[in-house]
Structures are given as C-alpha cells and as structure tokens.
Amino acid sequence: MNKNVGGVDQKGRLLLGLLALGIAALAELPTWGAVVLGAVGVIALVTGSTGYCPLWTIFGINTCSIQRKT
C-alpha cells in the first residue's frame, strides 16, 4: 500500500475529519445526518492519518510528492 495522500491533502483531511465529527456530535442534527457526517469524519481521519486513499488509487490520483521505492 503506497502513500498517495500528500501533505496539504493530508492536513485538510485531518481537519475535515475533526470538524465533521465535532459537528456530528454537538449539532442538533437528525439521526441520519449525524450518522452520515460521522462516517465522513471517520473516513477523512483514517485516510488522513494513514496517508492512503483507496478512491485516489481507483482514479489514479496521487497528491504525495515523495514516492518510496518498493
């Protein structure tokens, strides 16, 4: 699993994930809205912390400027 999420993208995902989870927990949303926003937040945090996004692999996108040789 090669890293395909770069620095700015990674920081944005982490920020988005924390923001989405915070809104899902604190805002008075319908249950389905809180669940959807919570899922978006978890996905953003996981892809931001691991540096790998399966969707980017499918579309052939790579925002990581440093490539490791494997």
PDB file of N, CA and C in Angstrom:
ATOM      1  N   MET A   1       0.843  -1.164   0.000  1.00  0.00           N
ATOM      2  CA  MET A   1       0.000   0.000   0.000  1.00  0.00           C
ATOM      3  C   MET A   1       0.896   1.236   0.000  1.00  0.00           C
ATOM      4  N   ASN A   2       0.994   1.898  -1.143  1.00  0.00           N
ATOM      5  CA  ASN A   2       1.808   3.098  -1.268  1.00  0.00           C
ATOM      6  C   ASN A   2       1.036   4.320  -0.820  1.00  0.00           C
ATOM      7  N   LYS A   3       1.756   5.252  -0.239  1.00  0.00           N
ATOM      8  CA  LYS A   3       1.140   6.500   0.190  1.00  0.00           C
ATOM      9  C   LYS A   3       0.743   7.307  -1.046  1.00  0.00           C
ATOM     10  N   ASN A   4      -0.493   7.798  -1.075  1.00  0.00           N
ATOM     11  CA  ASN A   4      -0.937   8.594  -2.210  1.00  0.00           C
ATOM     12  C   ASN A   4      -1.646   9.881  -1.784  1.00  0.00           C
ATOM     13  N   VAL A   5      -1.536  10.231  -0.503  1.00  0.00           N
ATOM     14  CA  VAL A   5      -2.116  11.463   0.023  1.00  0.00           C
ATOM     15  C   VAL A   5      -0.972  12.341   0.516  1.00  0.00           C
ATOM     16  N   GLY A   6      -0.813  13.504  -0.114  1.00  0.00           N
ATOM     17  CA  GLY A   6       0.288  14.401   0.216  1.00  0.00           C
ATOM     18  C   GLY A   6       0.032  15.257   1.442  1.00  0.00           C
ATOM     19  N   GLY A   7       0.990  16.113   1.760  1.00  0.00           N
ATOM     20  CA  GLY A   7       0.977  16.903   2.982  1.00  0.00           C
ATOM     21  C   GLY A   7      -0.222  17.811   3.144  1.00  0.00           C
ATOM     22  N   VAL A   8      -0.496  18.659   2.163  1.00  0.00           N
ATOM     23  CA  VAL A   8      -1.628  19.591   2.269  1.00  0.00           C
ATOM     24  C   VAL A   8      -2.938  18.811   2.271  1.00  0.00           C
ATOM     25  N   ASP A   9      -3.046  17.830   1.411  1.00  0.00           N
ATOM     26  CA  ASP A   9      -4.236  16.989   1.335  1.00  0.00           C
ATOM     27  C   ASP A   9      -4.449  16.271   2.669  1.00  0.00           C
ATOM     28  N   GLN A  10      -3.374  15.771   3.246  1.00  0.00           N
ATOM     29  CA  GLN A  10      -3.444  15.041   4.500  1.00  0.00           C
ATOM     30  C   GLN A  10      -3.913  15.943   5.647  1.00  0.00           C
ATOM     31  N   LYS A  11      -3.358  17.131   5.733  1.00  0.00           N
ATOM     32  CA  LYS A  11      -3.771  18.072   6.785  1.00  0.00           C
ATOM     33  C   LYS A  11      -5.224  18.493   6.607  1.00  0.00           C
ATOM     34  N   GLY A  12      -5.638  18.691   5.371  1.00  0.00           N
ATOM     35  CA  GLY A  12      -7.026  19.041   5.095  1.00  0.00           C
ATOM     36  C   GLY A  12      -7.983  17.939   5.500  1.00  0.00           C
ATOM     37  N   ARG A  13      -7.604  16.695   5.238  1.00  0.00           N
ATOM     38  CA  ARG A  13      -8.456  15.567   5.614  1.00  0.00           C
ATOM     39  C   ARG A  13      -8.572  15.439   7.130  1.00  0.00           C
ATOM     40  N   LEU A  14      -7.450  15.636   7.823  1.00  0.00           N
ATOM     41  CA  LEU A  14      -7.485  15.556   9.284  1.00  0.00           C
ATOM     42  C   LEU A  14      -8.370  16.661   9.865  1.00  0.00           C
ATOM     43  N   LEU A  15      -8.237  17.861   9.344  1.00  0.00           N
ATOM     44  CA  LEU A  15      -9.058  18.978   9.804  1.00  0.00           C
ATOM     45  C   LEU A  15     -10.535  18.734   9.489  1.00  0.00           C
ATOM     46  N   LEU A  16     -10.816  18.285   8.268  1.00  0.00           N
ATOM     47  CA  LEU A  16     -12.190  17.978   7.878  1.00  0.00           C
ATOM     48  C   LEU A  16     -12.786  16.886   8.758  1.00  0.00           C
ATOM     49  N   GLY A  17     -12.000  15.862   9.047  1.00  0.00           N
ATOM     50  CA  GLY A  17     -12.483  14.763   9.883  1.00  0.00           C
ATOM     51  C   GLY A  17     -12.832  15.219  11.286  1.00  0.00           C
ATOM     52  N   LEU A  18     -11.961  16.009  11.888  1.00  0.00           N
ATOM     53  CA  LEU A  18     -12.240  16.514  13.231  1.00  0.00           C
ATOM     54  C   LEU A  18     -13.450  17.440  13.234  1.00  0.00           C
ATOM     55  N   LEU A  19     -13.534  18.287  12.237  1.00  0.00           N
ATOM     56  CA  LEU A  19     -14.660  19.215  12.131  1.00  0.00           C
ATOM     57  C   LEU A  19     -15.982  18.463  11.936  1.00  0.00           C
ATOM     58  N   ALA A  20     -15.979  17.481  11.059  1.00  0.00           N
ATOM     59  CA  ALA A  20     -17.201  16.709  10.790  1.00  0.00           C
ATOM     60  C   ALA A  20     -17.646  15.932  12.026  1.00  0.00           C
ATOM     61  N   LEU A  21     -16.700  15.322  12.734  1.00  0.00           N
ATOM     62  CA  LEU A  21     -17.062  14.584  13.943  1.00  0.00           C
ATOM     63  C   LEU A  21     -17.571  15.519  15.033  1.00  0.00           C
ATOM     64  N   GLY A  22     -16.953  16.690  15.142  1.00  0.00           N
ATOM     65  CA  GLY A  22     -17.410  17.660  16.127  1.00  0.00           C
ATOM     66  C   GLY A  22     -18.819  18.146  15.851  1.00  0.00           C
ATOM     67  N   ILE A  23     -19.092  18.440  14.588  1.00  0.00           N
ATOM     68  CA  ILE A  23     -20.444  18.897  14.218  1.00  0.00           C
ATOM     69  C   ILE A  23     -21.458  17.771  14.431  1.00  0.00           C
ATOM     70  N   ALA A  24     -21.086  16.547  14.056  1.00  0.00           N
ATOM     71  CA  ALA A  24     -21.999  15.412  14.221  1.00  0.00           C
ATOM     72  C   ALA A  24     -22.329  15.179  15.688  1.00  0.00           C
ATOM     73  N   ALA A  25     -21.354  15.415  16.571  1.00  0.00           N
ATOM     74  CA  ALA A  25     -21.572  15.166  17.990  1.00  0.00           C
ATOM     75  C   ALA A  25     -22.314  16.310  18.674  1.00  0.00           C
ATOM     76  N   LEU A  26     -22.061  17.539  18.255  1.00  0.00           N
ATOM     77  CA  LEU A  26     -22.584  18.682  19.002  1.00  0.00           C
ATOM     78  C   LEU A  26     -23.812  19.351  18.393  1.00  0.00           C
ATOM     79  N   ALA A  27     -23.976  19.251  17.095  1.00  0.00           N
ATOM     80  CA  ALA A  27     -25.105  19.920  16.439  1.00  0.00           C
ATOM     81  C   ALA A  27     -26.379  19.099  16.621  1.00  0.00           C
ATOM     82  N   GLU A  28     -27.483  19.774  16.594  1.00  0.00           N
ATOM     83  CA  GLU A  28     -28.775  19.095  16.713  1.00  0.00           C
ATOM     84  C   GLU A  28     -29.238  18.676  15.323  1.00  0.00           C
ATOM     85  N   LEU A  29     -28.667  17.587  14.851  1.00  0.00           N
ATOM     86  CA  LEU A  29     -28.991  17.052  13.532  1.00  0.00           C
ATOM     87  C   LEU A  29     -29.936  15.870  13.675  1.00  0.00           C
ATOM     88  N   PRO A  30     -30.683  15.560  12.608  1.00  0.00           N
ATOM     89  CA  PRO A  30     -31.439  14.302  12.630  1.00  0.00           C
ATOM     90  C   PRO A  30     -30.462  13.135  12.750  1.00  0.00           C
ATOM     91  N   THR A  31     -30.931  12.018  13.226  1.00  0.00           N
ATOM     92  CA  THR A  31     -30.057  10.867  13.454  1.00  0.00           C
ATOM     93  C   THR A  31     -29.307  10.477  12.194  1.00  0.00           C
ATOM     94  N   TRP A  32     -29.998  10.419  11.056  1.00  0.00           N
ATOM     95  CA  TRP A  32     -29.335  10.021   9.808  1.00  0.00           C
ATOM     96  C   TRP A  32     -28.259  11.033   9.423  1.00  0.00           C
ATOM     97  N   GLY A  33     -28.479  12.302   9.689  1.00  0.00           N
ATOM     98  CA  GLY A  33     -27.489  13.333   9.371  1.00  0.00           C
ATOM     99  C   GLY A  33     -26.237  13.197  10.214  1.00  0.00           C
ATOM    100  N   ALA A  34     -26.432  12.915  11.507  1.00  0.00           N
ATOM    101  CA  ALA A  34     -25.292  12.729  12.396  1.00  0.00           C
ATOM    102  C   ALA A  34     -24.492  11.486  12.008  1.00  0.00           C
ATOM    103  N   VAL A  35     -25.191  10.430  11.608  1.00  0.00           N
ATOM    104  CA  VAL A  35     -24.502   9.191  11.199  1.00  0.00           C
ATOM    105  C   VAL A  35     -23.695   9.422   9.931  1.00  0.00           C
ATOM    106  N   VAL A  36     -24.284  10.081   8.945  1.00  0.00           N
ATOM    107  CA  VAL A  36     -23.588  10.348   7.679  1.00  0.00           C
ATOM    108  C   VAL A  36     -22.387  11.254   7.924  1.00  0.00           C
ATOM    109  N   LEU A  37     -22.575  12.316   8.681  1.00  0.00           N
ATOM    110  CA  LEU A  37     -21.478  13.233   8.962  1.00  0.00           C
ATOM    111  C   LEU A  37     -20.391  12.557   9.799  1.00  0.00           C
ATOM    112  N   GLY A  38     -20.794  11.702  10.710  1.00  0.00           N
ATOM    113  CA  GLY A  38     -19.818  10.947  11.500  1.00  0.00           C
ATOM    114  C   GLY A  38     -19.007   9.994  10.634  1.00  0.00           C
ATOM    115  N   ALA A  39     -19.675   9.335   9.686  1.00  0.00           N
ATOM    116  CA  ALA A  39     -18.970   8.421   8.779  1.00  0.00           C
ATOM    117  C   ALA A  39     -17.974   9.184   7.902  1.00  0.00           C
ATOM    118  N   VAL A  40     -18.391  10.341   7.400  1.00  0.00           N
ATOM    119  CA  VAL A  40     -17.483  11.173   6.599  1.00  0.00           C
ATOM    120  C   VAL A  40     -16.270  11.581   7.437  1.00  0.00           C
ATOM    121  N   GLY A  41     -16.519  11.942   8.686  1.00  0.00           N
ATOM    122  CA  GLY A  41     -15.431  12.333   9.568  1.00  0.00           C
ATOM    123  C   GLY A  41     -14.457  11.202   9.839  1.00  0.00           C
ATOM    124  N   VAL A  42     -14.975  10.007  10.089  1.00  0.00           N
ATOM    125  CA  VAL A  42     -14.108   8.857  10.346  1.00  0.00           C
ATOM    126  C   VAL A  42     -13.290   8.504   9.110  1.00  0.00           C
ATOM    127  N   ILE A  43     -13.923   8.497   7.952  1.00  0.00           N
ATOM    128  CA  ILE A  43     -13.209   8.187   6.711  1.00  0.00           C
ATOM    129  C   ILE A  43     -12.114   9.217   6.450  1.00  0.00           C
ATOM    130  N   ALA A  44     -12.415  10.492   6.655  1.00  0.00           N
ATOM    131  CA  ALA A  44     -11.417  11.542   6.448  1.00  0.00           C
ATOM    132  C   ALA A  44     -10.257  11.385   7.424  1.00  0.00           C
ATOM    133  N   LEU A  45     -10.536  11.072   8.680  1.00  0.00           N
ATOM    134  CA  LEU A  45      -9.468  10.883   9.661  1.00  0.00           C
ATOM    135  C   LEU A  45      -8.595   9.666   9.338  1.00  0.00           C
ATOM    136  N   VAL A  46      -9.219   8.588   8.924  1.00  0.00           N
ATOM    137  CA  VAL A  46      -8.449   7.372   8.605  1.00  0.00           C
ATOM    138  C   VAL A  46      -7.567   7.596   7.381  1.00  0.00           C
ATOM    139  N   THR A  47      -8.115   8.177   6.320  1.00  0.00           N
ATOM    140  CA  THR A  47      -7.298   8.401   5.118  1.00  0.00           C
ATOM    141  C   THR A  47      -6.238   9.463   5.361  1.00  0.00           C
ATOM    142  N   GLY A  48      -6.537  10.442   6.201  1.00  0.00           N
ATOM    143  CA  GLY A  48      -5.544  11.465   6.528  1.00  0.00           C
ATOM    144  C   GLY A  48      -4.424  10.930   7.395  1.00  0.00           C
ATOM    145  N   SER A  49      -4.748  10.074   8.343  1.00  0.00           N
ATOM    146  CA  SER A  49      -3.717   9.564   9.242  1.00  0.00           C
ATOM    147  C   SER A  49      -2.864   8.471   8.598  1.00  0.00           C
ATOM    148  N   THR A  50      -3.438   7.686   7.698  1.00  0.00           N
ATOM    149  CA  THR A  50      -2.659   6.630   7.051  1.00  0.00           C
ATOM    150  C   THR A  50      -1.912   7.127   5.814  1.00  0.00           C
ATOM    151  N   GLY A  51      -2.401   8.223   5.214  1.00  0.00           N
ATOM    152  CA  GLY A  51      -1.766   8.729   4.002  1.00  0.00           C
ATOM    153  C   GLY A  51      -2.136   7.940   2.759  1.00  0.00           C
ATOM    154  N   TYR A  52      -3.173   7.124   2.863  1.00  0.00           N
ATOM    155  CA  TYR A  52      -3.608   6.306   1.731  1.00  0.00           C
ATOM    156  C   TYR A  52      -5.107   6.445   1.534  1.00  0.00           C
ATOM    157  N   CYS A  53      -5.521   6.686   0.303  1.00  0.00           N
ATOM    158  CA  CYS A  53      -6.937   6.794  -0.036  1.00  0.00           C
ATOM    159  C   CYS A  53      -7.248   5.818  -1.177  1.00  0.00           C
ATOM    160  N   PRO A  54      -8.089   4.806  -0.925  1.00  0.00           N
ATOM    161  CA  PRO A  54      -8.426   3.847  -1.976  1.00  0.00           C
ATOM    162  C   PRO A  54      -9.099   4.504  -3.175  1.00  0.00           C
ATOM    163  N   LEU A  55      -9.893   5.526  -2.951  1.00  0.00           N
ATOM    164  CA  LEU A  55     -10.566   6.214  -4.046  1.00  0.00           C
ATOM    165  C   LEU A  55      -9.560   6.900  -4.961  1.00  0.00           C
ATOM    166  N   TRP A  56      -8.512   7.473  -4.394  1.00  0.00           N
ATOM    167  CA  TRP A  56      -7.459   8.102  -5.210  1.00  0.00           C
ATOM    168  C   TRP A  56      -6.783   7.046  -6.073  1.00  0.00           C
ATOM    169  N   THR A  57      -6.611   5.835  -5.549  1.00  0.00           N
ATOM    170  CA  THR A  57      -5.996   4.755  -6.327  1.00  0.00           C
ATOM    171  C   THR A  57      -6.877   4.392  -7.525  1.00  0.00           C
ATOM    172  N   ILE A  58      -8.177   4.303  -7.308  1.00  0.00           N
ATOM    173  CA  ILE A  58      -9.098   3.952  -8.387  1.00  0.00           C
ATOM    174  C   ILE A  58      -9.040   4.989  -9.506  1.00  0.00           C
ATOM    175  N   PHE A  59      -8.985   6.286  -9.129  1.00  0.00           N
ATOM    176  CA  PHE A  59      -8.966   7.355 -10.128  1.00  0.00           C
ATOM    177  C   PHE A  59      -7.562   7.708 -10.603  1.00  0.00           C
ATOM    178  N   GLY A  60      -6.541   7.072 -10.056  1.00  0.00           N
ATOM    179  CA  GLY A  60      -5.165   7.329 -10.478  1.00  0.00           C
ATOM    180  C   GLY A  60      -4.610   8.657  -9.998  1.00  0.00           C
ATOM    181  N   ILE A  61      -5.137   9.182  -8.890  1.00  0.00           N
ATOM    182  CA  ILE A  61      -4.679  10.462  -8.345  1.00  0.00           C
ATOM    183  C   ILE A  61      -3.631  10.196  -7.278  1.00  0.00           C
ATOM    184  N   ASN A  62      -2.586  11.014  -7.273  1.00  0.00           N
ATOM    185  CA  ASN A  62      -1.550  10.914  -6.255  1.00  0.00           C
ATOM    186  C   ASN A  62      -1.096  12.322  -5.901  1.00  0.00           C
ATOM    187  N   THR A  63      -1.394  12.765  -4.685  1.00  0.00           N
ATOM    188  CA  THR A  63      -1.001  14.100  -4.250  1.00  0.00           C
ATOM    189  C   THR A  63       0.270  14.078  -3.413  1.00  0.00           C
ATOM    190  N   CYS A  64       0.865  12.918  -3.242  1.00  0.00           N
ATOM    191  CA  CYS A  64       2.101  12.777  -2.469  1.00  0.00           C
ATOM    192  C   CYS A  64       3.283  13.017  -3.388  1.00  0.00           C
ATOM    193  N   SER A  65       4.131  13.965  -3.025  1.00  0.00           N
ATOM    194  CA  SER A  65       5.254  14.320  -3.905  1.00  0.00           C
ATOM    195  C   SER A  65       6.440  13.370  -3.739  1.00  0.00           C
ATOM    196  N   ILE A  66       6.570  12.707  -2.600  1.00  0.00           N
ATOM    197  CA  ILE A  66       7.692  11.793  -2.352  1.00  0.00           C
ATOM    198  C   ILE A  66       7.201  10.369  -2.553  1.00  0.00           C
ATOM    199  N   GLN A  67       7.860   9.643  -3.426  1.00  0.00           N
ATOM    200  CA  GLN A  67       7.497   8.266  -3.694  1.00  0.00           C
ATOM    201  C   GLN A  67       8.557   7.332  -3.138  1.00  0.00           C
ATOM    202  N   ARG A  68       8.109   6.304  -2.414  1.00  0.00           N
ATOM    203  CA  ARG A  68       9.034   5.284  -1.923  1.00  0.00           C
ATOM    204  C   ARG A  68       9.198   4.223  -2.986  1.00  0.00           C
ATOM    205  N   LYS A  69      10.389   3.669  -3.072  1.00  0.00           N
ATOM    206  CA  LYS A  69      10.613   2.546  -3.989  1.00  0.00           C
ATOM    207  C   LYS A  69      10.326   1.260  -3.253  1.00  0.00           C
ATOM    208  N   THR A  70       9.466   0.424  -3.865  1.00  0.00           N
ATOM    209  CA  THR A  70       9.122  -0.843  -3.216  1.00  0.00           C
ATOM    210  C   THR A  70       9.529  -1.988  -4.071  1.00  0.00           C
TER     211      THR A  70
END
